Each structure stands twice: as C-alpha cells, then as structure tokens.
N, C-alpha and C. Protein backbone atom coordinates (compact mmCIF):
# COMPACT_ATOMS: atom_id res chain seq x y z
N PHE A 1 0.82 -1.20 0.00
CA PHE A 1 0.00 0.00 0.00
C PHE A 1 0.86 1.26 0.00
N GLN A 2 2.18 1.11 -0.16
CA GLN A 2 3.07 2.26 -0.22
C GLN A 2 3.55 2.50 -1.64
N ASP A 3 3.57 3.76 -2.05
CA ASP A 3 4.22 4.14 -3.30
C ASP A 3 5.72 3.90 -3.17
N GLU A 4 6.38 3.74 -4.31
CA GLU A 4 7.82 3.47 -4.29
C GLU A 4 8.61 4.59 -3.61
N GLY A 5 8.15 5.84 -3.80
CA GLY A 5 8.83 6.95 -3.15
C GLY A 5 8.78 6.86 -1.64
N SER A 6 7.62 6.46 -1.12
CA SER A 6 7.47 6.27 0.31
C SER A 6 8.34 5.12 0.81
N GLN A 7 8.40 4.05 0.04
CA GLN A 7 9.25 2.92 0.40
C GLN A 7 10.72 3.33 0.45
N LEU A 8 11.10 4.22 -0.47
CA LEU A 8 12.49 4.69 -0.50
C LEU A 8 12.84 5.43 0.78
N VAL A 9 11.92 6.25 1.27
CA VAL A 9 12.14 6.95 2.54
C VAL A 9 12.31 5.95 3.68
N GLY A 10 11.45 4.94 3.71
CA GLY A 10 11.58 3.90 4.72
C GLY A 10 12.92 3.20 4.65
N GLN A 11 13.37 2.93 3.43
CA GLN A 11 14.66 2.26 3.26
C GLN A 11 15.81 3.14 3.73
N ILE A 12 15.70 4.44 3.52
CA ILE A 12 16.74 5.36 4.01
C ILE A 12 16.83 5.29 5.53
N ALA A 13 15.67 5.30 6.19
CA ALA A 13 15.66 5.22 7.65
C ALA A 13 16.24 3.88 8.12
N ILE A 14 15.83 2.81 7.47
CA ILE A 14 16.32 1.47 7.83
C ILE A 14 17.83 1.39 7.63
N GLY A 15 18.33 2.09 6.61
CA GLY A 15 19.76 2.06 6.31
C GLY A 15 20.64 2.65 7.39
N THR A 16 20.06 3.41 8.33
CA THR A 16 20.85 3.94 9.43
C THR A 16 21.12 2.87 10.49
N GLY A 17 20.48 1.71 10.36
CA GLY A 17 20.78 0.55 11.21
C GLY A 17 20.41 0.70 12.67
N PRO A 18 19.23 1.23 12.98
CA PRO A 18 18.91 1.46 14.39
C PRO A 18 18.55 0.19 15.15
N HIS A 19 18.91 0.17 16.44
CA HIS A 19 18.42 -0.87 17.35
C HIS A 19 17.14 -0.40 18.03
N ARG A 20 16.99 0.93 18.12
CA ARG A 20 15.79 1.54 18.70
C ARG A 20 15.31 2.59 17.70
N PHE A 21 14.11 2.38 17.17
CA PHE A 21 13.63 3.20 16.06
C PHE A 21 12.28 3.80 16.39
N LEU A 22 12.13 5.10 16.14
CA LEU A 22 10.86 5.79 16.36
C LEU A 22 10.38 6.41 15.05
N ASP A 23 9.15 6.09 14.69
CA ASP A 23 8.47 6.72 13.55
C ASP A 23 7.47 7.71 14.14
N VAL A 24 7.77 9.00 14.01
CA VAL A 24 7.05 10.03 14.77
C VAL A 24 5.64 10.26 14.24
N CYS A 25 5.50 10.47 12.94
CA CYS A 25 4.19 10.75 12.31
C CYS A 25 3.85 9.55 11.45
N ALA A 26 3.45 8.45 12.08
CA ALA A 26 3.57 7.14 11.47
C ALA A 26 2.36 6.64 10.68
N ALA A 27 1.16 7.13 10.98
CA ALA A 27 -0.02 6.59 10.29
C ALA A 27 0.08 6.83 8.78
N PRO A 28 -0.36 5.86 7.98
CA PRO A 28 -1.09 4.64 8.35
C PRO A 28 -0.22 3.48 8.84
N GLY A 29 1.12 3.59 8.72
CA GLY A 29 1.97 2.56 9.29
C GLY A 29 2.89 1.85 8.32
N GLY A 30 2.93 2.29 7.07
CA GLY A 30 3.75 1.60 6.08
C GLY A 30 5.22 1.57 6.42
N LYS A 31 5.77 2.70 6.83
CA LYS A 31 7.21 2.76 7.11
C LYS A 31 7.56 2.04 8.41
N ALA A 32 6.65 2.10 9.40
CA ALA A 32 6.89 1.39 10.65
C ALA A 32 6.92 -0.12 10.43
N THR A 33 5.98 -0.64 9.63
CA THR A 33 5.97 -2.08 9.36
C THR A 33 7.16 -2.46 8.48
N GLN A 34 7.52 -1.58 7.55
CA GLN A 34 8.70 -1.82 6.72
C GLN A 34 9.95 -1.95 7.60
N ALA A 35 10.07 -1.07 8.60
CA ALA A 35 11.20 -1.14 9.52
C ALA A 35 11.15 -2.40 10.37
N ALA A 36 9.94 -2.74 10.85
CA ALA A 36 9.80 -3.92 11.70
C ALA A 36 10.19 -5.20 10.98
N ILE A 37 9.81 -5.29 9.71
CA ILE A 37 10.14 -6.48 8.91
C ILE A 37 11.63 -6.53 8.58
N SER A 38 12.21 -5.37 8.29
CA SER A 38 13.61 -5.31 7.86
C SER A 38 14.59 -5.36 9.03
N LEU A 39 14.12 -4.99 10.22
CA LEU A 39 14.98 -4.93 11.41
C LEU A 39 14.38 -5.81 12.50
N PRO A 40 14.43 -7.12 12.34
CA PRO A 40 13.71 -8.02 13.25
C PRO A 40 14.21 -7.98 14.69
N ARG A 41 15.43 -7.48 14.92
CA ARG A 41 15.97 -7.43 16.28
C ARG A 41 15.86 -6.05 16.90
N SER A 42 15.26 -5.12 16.19
CA SER A 42 15.16 -3.75 16.69
C SER A 42 13.85 -3.52 17.43
N TYR A 43 13.90 -2.52 18.31
CA TYR A 43 12.72 -2.09 19.05
C TYR A 43 12.09 -0.95 18.26
N ILE A 44 10.82 -1.11 17.86
CA ILE A 44 10.16 -0.16 16.98
C ILE A 44 8.98 0.49 17.71
N VAL A 45 8.94 1.81 17.68
CA VAL A 45 7.82 2.56 18.23
C VAL A 45 7.27 3.46 17.13
N ALA A 46 5.94 3.53 17.04
CA ALA A 46 5.30 4.39 16.05
C ALA A 46 4.14 5.12 16.72
N GLY A 47 3.94 6.38 16.32
CA GLY A 47 2.87 7.14 16.95
C GLY A 47 2.26 8.16 16.02
N ASP A 48 1.12 8.70 16.45
CA ASP A 48 0.46 9.76 15.70
C ASP A 48 -0.46 10.51 16.66
N VAL A 49 -1.22 11.49 16.11
CA VAL A 49 -1.86 12.47 16.97
C VAL A 49 -3.32 12.19 17.30
N THR A 50 -4.12 11.69 16.36
CA THR A 50 -5.55 11.52 16.62
C THR A 50 -5.89 10.06 16.92
N GLU A 51 -7.04 9.85 17.56
CA GLU A 51 -7.48 8.49 17.85
C GLU A 51 -7.67 7.69 16.57
N THR A 52 -8.22 8.35 15.54
CA THR A 52 -8.46 7.67 14.28
C THR A 52 -7.17 7.20 13.63
N ARG A 53 -6.16 8.07 13.62
CA ARG A 53 -4.89 7.72 13.00
C ARG A 53 -4.16 6.64 13.80
N VAL A 54 -4.26 6.73 15.12
CA VAL A 54 -3.62 5.71 15.97
C VAL A 54 -4.31 4.36 15.78
N ALA A 55 -5.64 4.36 15.66
CA ALA A 55 -6.37 3.12 15.43
C ALA A 55 -5.95 2.48 14.11
N LEU A 56 -5.80 3.30 13.07
CA LEU A 56 -5.35 2.79 11.78
C LEU A 56 -3.93 2.25 11.88
N LEU A 57 -3.09 2.96 12.61
CA LEU A 57 -1.71 2.52 12.81
C LEU A 57 -1.66 1.16 13.49
N LYS A 58 -2.47 0.98 14.52
CA LYS A 58 -2.52 -0.30 15.22
C LYS A 58 -3.01 -1.41 14.28
N GLU A 59 -4.00 -1.09 13.46
CA GLU A 59 -4.56 -2.08 12.53
C GLU A 59 -3.51 -2.54 11.52
N ILE A 60 -2.83 -1.59 10.89
CA ILE A 60 -1.85 -1.92 9.86
C ILE A 60 -0.65 -2.65 10.46
N CYS A 61 -0.13 -2.14 11.57
CA CYS A 61 1.03 -2.79 12.20
C CYS A 61 0.66 -4.18 12.70
N GLY A 62 -0.56 -4.32 13.23
CA GLY A 62 -0.99 -5.63 13.70
C GLY A 62 -1.16 -6.63 12.57
N LYS A 63 -1.52 -6.14 11.39
CA LYS A 63 -1.71 -7.01 10.25
C LYS A 63 -0.40 -7.44 9.61
N TYR A 64 0.51 -6.49 9.44
CA TYR A 64 1.73 -6.76 8.67
C TYR A 64 2.97 -7.04 9.53
N ALA A 65 2.93 -6.62 10.79
CA ALA A 65 4.08 -6.88 11.68
C ALA A 65 3.56 -7.12 13.09
N PRO A 66 2.77 -8.18 13.26
CA PRO A 66 2.12 -8.42 14.56
C PRO A 66 3.14 -8.57 15.70
N GLY A 67 2.88 -7.82 16.77
CA GLY A 67 3.72 -7.90 17.95
C GLY A 67 5.07 -7.21 17.84
N ARG A 68 5.30 -6.51 16.73
CA ARG A 68 6.63 -5.94 16.52
C ARG A 68 6.69 -4.43 16.71
N VAL A 69 5.56 -3.75 16.75
CA VAL A 69 5.56 -2.29 16.82
C VAL A 69 4.73 -1.84 18.02
N ASP A 70 5.34 -1.06 18.91
CA ASP A 70 4.60 -0.43 19.99
C ASP A 70 4.02 0.88 19.47
N VAL A 71 2.73 1.09 19.68
CA VAL A 71 2.04 2.26 19.15
C VAL A 71 1.68 3.22 20.28
N ALA A 72 1.93 4.50 20.03
CA ALA A 72 1.66 5.53 21.03
C ALA A 72 0.86 6.67 20.40
N ARG A 73 0.15 7.41 21.25
CA ARG A 73 -0.55 8.60 20.79
C ARG A 73 0.07 9.83 21.45
N TYR A 74 0.37 10.84 20.66
CA TYR A 74 0.94 12.09 21.16
C TYR A 74 0.78 13.16 20.09
N ASP A 75 0.99 14.41 20.49
CA ASP A 75 1.02 15.53 19.56
C ASP A 75 2.49 15.90 19.34
N ALA A 76 3.01 15.63 18.15
CA ALA A 76 4.43 15.84 17.89
C ALA A 76 4.81 17.31 17.82
N GLU A 77 3.82 18.21 17.80
CA GLU A 77 4.14 19.64 17.88
C GLU A 77 4.39 20.08 19.31
N ARG A 78 4.27 19.16 20.23
CA ARG A 78 4.61 19.38 21.64
C ARG A 78 5.73 18.41 22.01
N PRO A 79 6.40 18.61 23.14
CA PRO A 79 7.46 17.68 23.54
C PRO A 79 6.97 16.23 23.54
N LEU A 80 7.77 15.34 22.98
CA LEU A 80 7.37 13.94 22.88
C LEU A 80 7.50 13.23 24.22
N PRO A 81 6.69 12.20 24.46
CA PRO A 81 6.68 11.51 25.76
C PRO A 81 7.75 10.43 25.87
N PHE A 82 8.96 10.76 25.46
CA PHE A 82 10.07 9.80 25.51
C PHE A 82 11.26 10.46 26.19
N ALA A 83 12.09 9.64 26.81
CA ALA A 83 13.31 10.15 27.44
C ALA A 83 14.24 10.73 26.39
N GLU A 84 15.00 11.72 26.78
CA GLU A 84 15.96 12.31 25.86
C GLU A 84 16.96 11.25 25.41
N GLY A 85 17.20 11.18 24.11
CA GLY A 85 18.17 10.21 23.58
C GLY A 85 17.70 8.77 23.61
N ALA A 86 16.39 8.55 23.60
CA ALA A 86 15.85 7.19 23.76
C ALA A 86 16.00 6.32 22.52
N PHE A 87 16.24 6.92 21.34
CA PHE A 87 16.24 6.15 20.09
C PHE A 87 17.51 6.41 19.27
N ASP A 88 17.94 5.36 18.58
CA ASP A 88 19.10 5.48 17.69
C ASP A 88 18.73 6.24 16.42
N SER A 89 17.53 6.01 15.91
CA SER A 89 17.07 6.70 14.71
C SER A 89 15.62 7.12 14.91
N VAL A 90 15.33 8.35 14.47
CA VAL A 90 13.98 8.89 14.57
C VAL A 90 13.58 9.39 13.18
N LEU A 91 12.46 8.90 12.69
CA LEU A 91 11.95 9.31 11.39
C LEU A 91 10.81 10.31 11.58
N VAL A 92 10.94 11.47 10.93
CA VAL A 92 9.85 12.44 10.88
C VAL A 92 9.40 12.54 9.43
N ASP A 93 8.35 11.80 9.09
CA ASP A 93 7.71 11.93 7.79
C ASP A 93 6.58 12.93 8.00
N ALA A 94 6.91 14.20 7.86
CA ALA A 94 6.09 15.27 8.41
C ALA A 94 4.81 15.53 7.61
N PRO A 95 3.77 16.00 8.28
CA PRO A 95 2.58 16.49 7.57
C PRO A 95 3.00 17.60 6.61
N CYS A 96 2.46 17.58 5.40
CA CYS A 96 2.93 18.52 4.39
C CYS A 96 1.83 18.82 3.38
N SER A 97 2.15 19.63 2.40
CA SER A 97 1.20 20.01 1.36
C SER A 97 0.83 18.85 0.44
N GLY A 98 1.70 17.84 0.37
CA GLY A 98 1.41 16.66 -0.45
C GLY A 98 1.54 16.89 -1.94
N THR A 99 2.25 17.94 -2.35
CA THR A 99 2.33 18.25 -3.78
C THR A 99 3.04 17.17 -4.59
N GLY A 100 3.80 16.33 -3.93
CA GLY A 100 4.45 15.23 -4.64
C GLY A 100 3.51 14.09 -4.97
N THR A 101 2.27 14.15 -4.45
CA THR A 101 1.32 13.05 -4.65
C THR A 101 0.11 13.47 -5.49
N ILE A 102 0.23 14.58 -6.21
CA ILE A 102 -0.92 15.10 -6.96
C ILE A 102 -1.44 14.09 -7.99
N ARG A 103 -0.56 13.26 -8.54
CA ARG A 103 -1.04 12.30 -9.53
C ARG A 103 -2.03 11.31 -8.91
N HIS A 104 -1.92 11.05 -7.59
CA HIS A 104 -2.86 10.18 -6.90
C HIS A 104 -3.95 10.97 -6.17
N ASN A 105 -3.66 12.24 -5.91
CA ASN A 105 -4.59 13.08 -5.16
C ASN A 105 -4.80 14.41 -5.91
N PRO A 106 -5.44 14.37 -7.06
CA PRO A 106 -5.54 15.57 -7.91
C PRO A 106 -6.28 16.73 -7.26
N GLU A 107 -7.09 16.44 -6.23
CA GLU A 107 -7.85 17.52 -5.58
C GLU A 107 -6.94 18.51 -4.87
N ILE A 108 -5.69 18.10 -4.59
CA ILE A 108 -4.76 19.00 -3.88
C ILE A 108 -4.62 20.32 -4.61
N ARG A 109 -4.55 20.28 -5.93
CA ARG A 109 -4.32 21.50 -6.71
C ARG A 109 -5.46 22.51 -6.58
N TYR A 110 -6.63 22.05 -6.17
CA TYR A 110 -7.78 22.94 -6.06
C TYR A 110 -7.96 23.52 -4.65
N PHE A 111 -7.39 22.85 -3.67
CA PHE A 111 -7.60 23.28 -2.29
C PHE A 111 -6.37 23.93 -1.66
N LEU A 112 -5.18 23.64 -2.17
CA LEU A 112 -3.95 24.19 -1.58
C LEU A 112 -3.81 25.67 -1.93
N GLN A 113 -3.54 26.48 -0.92
CA GLN A 113 -3.33 27.92 -1.09
C GLN A 113 -1.86 28.26 -0.82
N SER A 114 -1.38 29.34 -1.42
CA SER A 114 0.03 29.71 -1.26
C SER A 114 0.39 29.95 0.20
N GLU A 115 -0.56 30.46 0.98
CA GLU A 115 -0.27 30.73 2.39
C GLU A 115 -0.19 29.46 3.23
N ASP A 116 -0.63 28.32 2.67
CA ASP A 116 -0.53 27.06 3.40
C ASP A 116 0.91 26.58 3.55
N ILE A 117 1.75 26.88 2.58
CA ILE A 117 3.12 26.37 2.58
C ILE A 117 3.90 26.85 3.79
N PRO A 118 3.95 28.16 4.09
CA PRO A 118 4.68 28.58 5.29
C PRO A 118 4.08 28.04 6.58
N ARG A 119 2.77 27.81 6.60
CA ARG A 119 2.16 27.21 7.80
C ARG A 119 2.64 25.78 7.99
N PHE A 120 2.70 25.03 6.90
CA PHE A 120 3.24 23.68 6.98
C PHE A 120 4.70 23.72 7.46
N ALA A 121 5.49 24.62 6.90
CA ALA A 121 6.91 24.69 7.25
C ALA A 121 7.09 24.99 8.74
N GLU A 122 6.25 25.84 9.28
CA GLU A 122 6.34 26.17 10.71
C GLU A 122 6.05 24.94 11.57
N ARG A 123 5.01 24.20 11.18
CA ARG A 123 4.68 22.97 11.91
C ARG A 123 5.79 21.94 11.77
N GLN A 124 6.32 21.80 10.57
CA GLN A 124 7.37 20.82 10.31
C GLN A 124 8.61 21.08 11.16
N LEU A 125 8.99 22.35 11.26
CA LEU A 125 10.16 22.69 12.06
C LEU A 125 9.91 22.41 13.54
N ALA A 126 8.70 22.69 14.02
CA ALA A 126 8.38 22.39 15.42
C ALA A 126 8.47 20.90 15.70
N ILE A 127 7.94 20.09 14.79
CA ILE A 127 8.01 18.63 14.96
C ILE A 127 9.45 18.16 14.92
N LEU A 128 10.23 18.70 14.01
CA LEU A 128 11.62 18.30 13.89
C LEU A 128 12.40 18.62 15.16
N ARG A 129 12.15 19.80 15.74
CA ARG A 129 12.81 20.17 16.99
C ARG A 129 12.48 19.16 18.09
N ASN A 130 11.20 18.85 18.24
CA ASN A 130 10.79 17.93 19.31
C ASN A 130 11.37 16.53 19.09
N ALA A 131 11.33 16.09 17.83
CA ALA A 131 11.85 14.75 17.53
C ALA A 131 13.35 14.66 17.79
N SER A 132 14.06 15.74 17.58
CA SER A 132 15.52 15.71 17.74
C SER A 132 15.93 15.38 19.16
N ASN A 133 15.09 15.72 20.13
CA ASN A 133 15.42 15.44 21.53
C ASN A 133 15.41 13.95 21.84
N ALA A 134 14.71 13.18 21.03
CA ALA A 134 14.62 11.73 21.27
C ALA A 134 15.78 10.96 20.64
N VAL A 135 16.65 11.65 19.90
CA VAL A 135 17.76 11.00 19.20
C VAL A 135 18.95 10.87 20.14
N ALA A 136 19.53 9.69 20.21
CA ALA A 136 20.72 9.44 21.04
C ALA A 136 21.95 10.09 20.42
N ALA A 137 22.96 10.33 21.22
CA ALA A 137 24.22 10.86 20.71
C ALA A 137 24.77 9.92 19.64
N GLY A 138 25.14 10.49 18.51
CA GLY A 138 25.63 9.68 17.40
C GLY A 138 24.52 9.07 16.56
N GLY A 139 23.27 9.32 16.94
CA GLY A 139 22.14 8.75 16.22
C GLY A 139 21.68 9.62 15.07
N HIS A 140 20.62 9.18 14.42
CA HIS A 140 20.15 9.82 13.19
C HIS A 140 18.72 10.34 13.30
N LEU A 141 18.51 11.48 12.68
CA LEU A 141 17.18 12.07 12.53
C LEU A 141 16.91 12.15 11.04
N ILE A 142 15.88 11.43 10.59
CA ILE A 142 15.53 11.40 9.16
C ILE A 142 14.29 12.26 8.98
N TYR A 143 14.41 13.26 8.14
CA TYR A 143 13.29 14.17 7.88
C TYR A 143 12.83 13.97 6.46
N SER A 144 11.51 13.79 6.28
CA SER A 144 10.99 13.58 4.93
C SER A 144 9.61 14.21 4.79
N THR A 145 9.26 14.50 3.54
CA THR A 145 7.90 14.92 3.19
C THR A 145 7.58 14.34 1.82
N CYS A 146 6.28 14.38 1.48
CA CYS A 146 5.86 14.05 0.11
C CYS A 146 5.51 15.34 -0.62
N SER A 147 6.28 16.39 -0.32
CA SER A 147 6.11 17.70 -0.95
C SER A 147 7.26 17.95 -1.91
N LEU A 148 6.98 18.71 -2.96
CA LEU A 148 8.02 19.13 -3.90
C LEU A 148 8.55 20.52 -3.57
N GLU A 149 8.00 21.16 -2.54
CA GLU A 149 8.31 22.55 -2.26
C GLU A 149 9.59 22.70 -1.44
N ILE A 150 10.49 23.53 -1.90
CA ILE A 150 11.75 23.78 -1.18
C ILE A 150 11.48 24.33 0.22
N GLU A 151 10.43 25.14 0.35
CA GLU A 151 10.11 25.75 1.65
C GLU A 151 9.79 24.70 2.71
N GLU A 152 9.28 23.55 2.29
CA GLU A 152 8.93 22.49 3.24
C GLU A 152 10.05 21.48 3.43
N ASN A 153 11.08 21.61 2.66
CA ASN A 153 12.13 20.60 2.66
C ASN A 153 13.50 21.18 3.00
N GLU A 154 14.25 21.60 2.00
CA GLU A 154 15.59 22.13 2.25
C GLU A 154 15.58 23.28 3.25
N GLU A 155 14.59 24.18 3.13
CA GLU A 155 14.58 25.34 4.02
C GLU A 155 14.24 24.96 5.46
N VAL A 156 13.43 23.94 5.66
CA VAL A 156 13.16 23.47 7.02
C VAL A 156 14.42 22.86 7.62
N VAL A 157 15.15 22.08 6.84
CA VAL A 157 16.40 21.49 7.33
C VAL A 157 17.40 22.58 7.66
N ARG A 158 17.52 23.58 6.79
CA ARG A 158 18.47 24.68 7.04
C ARG A 158 18.09 25.45 8.30
N ALA A 159 16.80 25.67 8.51
CA ALA A 159 16.36 26.37 9.71
C ALA A 159 16.71 25.57 10.96
N PHE A 160 16.52 24.26 10.91
CA PHE A 160 16.87 23.41 12.05
C PHE A 160 18.38 23.47 12.32
N LEU A 161 19.18 23.36 11.27
CA LEU A 161 20.63 23.36 11.44
C LEU A 161 21.16 24.72 11.88
N SER A 162 20.44 25.78 11.58
CA SER A 162 20.85 27.10 12.07
C SER A 162 20.71 27.19 13.58
N GLU A 163 19.83 26.38 14.15
CA GLU A 163 19.65 26.32 15.60
C GLU A 163 20.52 25.25 16.24
N GLU A 164 20.80 24.19 15.48
CA GLU A 164 21.56 23.04 15.99
C GLU A 164 22.77 22.84 15.09
N SER A 165 23.71 23.75 15.17
CA SER A 165 24.83 23.78 14.22
C SER A 165 25.79 22.61 14.38
N SER A 166 25.73 21.90 15.51
CA SER A 166 26.64 20.76 15.70
C SER A 166 26.16 19.50 14.98
N TRP A 167 24.88 19.48 14.57
CA TRP A 167 24.37 18.36 13.78
C TRP A 167 24.97 18.41 12.38
N THR A 168 25.08 17.26 11.75
CA THR A 168 25.66 17.21 10.40
C THR A 168 24.71 16.49 9.44
N ILE A 169 24.85 16.84 8.16
CA ILE A 169 24.08 16.18 7.11
C ILE A 169 24.85 14.96 6.63
N GLU A 170 24.17 13.82 6.56
CA GLU A 170 24.76 12.61 6.00
C GLU A 170 24.05 12.27 4.68
N THR A 171 24.80 11.73 3.75
CA THR A 171 24.23 11.38 2.46
C THR A 171 23.38 10.11 2.59
N PRO A 172 22.13 10.15 2.19
CA PRO A 172 21.29 8.94 2.26
C PRO A 172 21.85 7.83 1.37
N HIS A 173 21.62 6.59 1.78
CA HIS A 173 22.09 5.44 1.00
C HIS A 173 21.03 5.10 -0.06
N VAL A 174 21.10 5.84 -1.17
CA VAL A 174 20.18 5.62 -2.29
C VAL A 174 20.98 5.70 -3.58
N ARG A 175 20.34 5.33 -4.68
CA ARG A 175 20.99 5.45 -5.99
C ARG A 175 21.34 6.91 -6.27
N GLU A 176 22.42 7.11 -6.99
CA GLU A 176 22.93 8.45 -7.24
C GLU A 176 21.90 9.36 -7.90
N LYS A 177 21.03 8.80 -8.73
CA LYS A 177 20.03 9.61 -9.45
C LYS A 177 19.07 10.31 -8.50
N PHE A 178 18.93 9.78 -7.27
CA PHE A 178 18.01 10.36 -6.31
C PHE A 178 18.68 11.41 -5.42
N LEU A 179 19.99 11.58 -5.52
CA LEU A 179 20.71 12.50 -4.64
C LEU A 179 20.75 13.91 -5.22
N THR A 180 20.67 14.90 -4.34
CA THR A 180 20.78 16.30 -4.73
C THR A 180 22.17 16.81 -4.38
N GLN A 181 22.49 17.99 -4.90
CA GLN A 181 23.80 18.58 -4.60
C GLN A 181 23.96 18.92 -3.13
N GLY A 182 22.84 19.13 -2.45
CA GLY A 182 22.91 19.45 -1.03
C GLY A 182 23.08 18.25 -0.12
N GLY A 183 23.12 17.04 -0.69
CA GLY A 183 23.28 15.85 0.13
C GLY A 183 21.97 15.27 0.61
N PHE A 184 20.88 15.61 -0.07
CA PHE A 184 19.57 15.08 0.28
C PHE A 184 19.11 14.09 -0.79
N ALA A 185 17.97 13.45 -0.55
CA ALA A 185 17.36 12.55 -1.54
C ALA A 185 16.06 13.16 -2.02
N ARG A 186 15.81 13.05 -3.32
CA ARG A 186 14.56 13.54 -3.90
C ARG A 186 14.11 12.61 -5.01
N THR A 187 12.80 12.42 -5.07
CA THR A 187 12.20 11.73 -6.21
C THR A 187 11.20 12.67 -6.86
N PHE A 188 11.03 12.53 -8.19
CA PHE A 188 10.12 13.37 -8.94
C PHE A 188 9.20 12.50 -9.78
N PRO A 189 7.89 12.74 -9.73
CA PRO A 189 6.95 11.92 -10.49
C PRO A 189 7.26 11.86 -11.97
N HIS A 190 7.57 12.99 -12.59
CA HIS A 190 7.78 13.03 -14.04
C HIS A 190 9.06 12.32 -14.45
N ARG A 191 10.03 12.25 -13.54
CA ARG A 191 11.32 11.64 -13.86
C ARG A 191 11.39 10.18 -13.44
N ASP A 192 10.84 9.89 -12.27
CA ASP A 192 11.07 8.59 -11.64
C ASP A 192 9.86 7.67 -11.67
N GLY A 193 8.69 8.16 -12.12
CA GLY A 193 7.51 7.32 -12.15
C GLY A 193 7.02 6.91 -10.77
N MET A 194 7.27 7.77 -9.77
CA MET A 194 6.82 7.52 -8.40
C MET A 194 6.47 8.87 -7.78
N ASP A 195 5.86 8.83 -6.61
CA ASP A 195 5.51 10.08 -5.95
C ASP A 195 6.76 10.89 -5.63
N GLY A 196 6.57 12.20 -5.50
CA GLY A 196 7.68 13.08 -5.20
C GLY A 196 7.93 13.15 -3.71
N PHE A 197 9.09 12.67 -3.29
CA PHE A 197 9.47 12.67 -1.88
C PHE A 197 10.81 13.38 -1.70
N PHE A 198 10.98 13.92 -0.51
CA PHE A 198 12.25 14.52 -0.07
C PHE A 198 12.69 13.81 1.19
N ALA A 199 14.00 13.59 1.35
CA ALA A 199 14.50 13.00 2.59
C ALA A 199 15.88 13.56 2.91
N ALA A 200 16.07 13.87 4.18
CA ALA A 200 17.36 14.32 4.70
C ALA A 200 17.74 13.45 5.87
N VAL A 201 19.02 13.12 5.97
CA VAL A 201 19.53 12.34 7.11
C VAL A 201 20.48 13.25 7.90
N LEU A 202 20.13 13.49 9.15
CA LEU A 202 20.92 14.35 10.02
C LEU A 202 21.48 13.52 11.17
N ARG A 203 22.73 13.79 11.52
CA ARG A 203 23.38 13.01 12.58
C ARG A 203 23.66 13.90 13.79
N LYS A 204 23.31 13.39 14.93
CA LYS A 204 23.52 14.12 16.19
C LYS A 204 24.95 13.90 16.69
N PRO A 205 25.59 14.93 17.18
CA PRO A 205 26.97 14.75 17.66
C PRO A 205 27.04 13.89 18.89
C-alpha cells in the first residue's frame, strides 16, 4: 500500500541501522511495518496524533508486523513523551502540502493555497525540533515529506541546522540519481515514475 517513493524513505531510515527506532508521524503505518520487517531485532515505536490515525496505525502494524511495533498517541508539535536520547534513529515523515502526490490526489491543486506552505513549514520545524530530543548521541534524525516545495524541505532542514549547528548532514544510502547537490534525496513523479518525496539524514553529535 506504499508508493515506491514512500518505500524509498523507509529504506533510508532502515539504512541507518537502528536498534531503537521511532516513527514520529507514522499513520497509516507503512514505514513502521517496513522497519519492523527489515529490522527483526530492533525495538520499533510508532505514533500519531488523533485516535483515528492511531487506530489505523494499530490495525496496519498488527496485520503486517504483529507484535513488533509499539504504538503511542501524542502531539508531535509538543514535547514527545520519551526520554531524551531514547532512540538510535527517529523518522519524521512530516505532515505537508502533499504536492508530490498530486497524480494520486488531484484535488490537492484545487484546495492548496500559497499561504498554506509557510504554515506547513512552521509545523514541520516544530516537529523536527521535538523529535531531535529523542535521538541518542551519534544517532540519526531522518526528515521527509511528500512535498516538492523547497520551503517544506531544504529550508526546514536549514532552519533546524541554524539552531543546531553541531548536527551534520549525511548522504542517504540511495541510488545516485536520487541524490541532490545538497546531500539530500529527492524523487520526482515526471522523472522517476513515483511520488515526489524529499529525505534528509541528520546526525547528532
């Protein structure tokens, strides 16, 4: 039930080799189950904000990775309910404009307004800040969206790094065609035949 672009983001997170993995904005659960299947010895936690999304997350994880994913409910725009440094890798597949998925969701072009983009970026940066506290020293923070907009992707990462200058960008383990000059991963529907995704891998000192 995942597009190839979404699977690629999951593979990037899995490639960091975590023993303790958190999927912050996890519903419906594709990346969490992908991690659970690929990392059978790892501890996997996945969460989301509403009862409906958490129920869906439990359903999908229970179906595809029974007993392998602990599910939690929280608001990621507030401090997360985990100890500081509790996870080796934390994935933030952030809520976004979804412009990379227009081929599957054509209604986006009719409802999205220009002023929505900075609002998404503000939320994304808040979630990224909170998620960063759960990353262990030497661990990884993977930030992704299904947006094509620079404001929701590169600029959010740059804003985070301007506050956390000791963090470093690591090159995702993907085919060279998906890499950008900035050291990030991107897919484009017109070029790659998959949804448009962005992914950045950041390492905590």
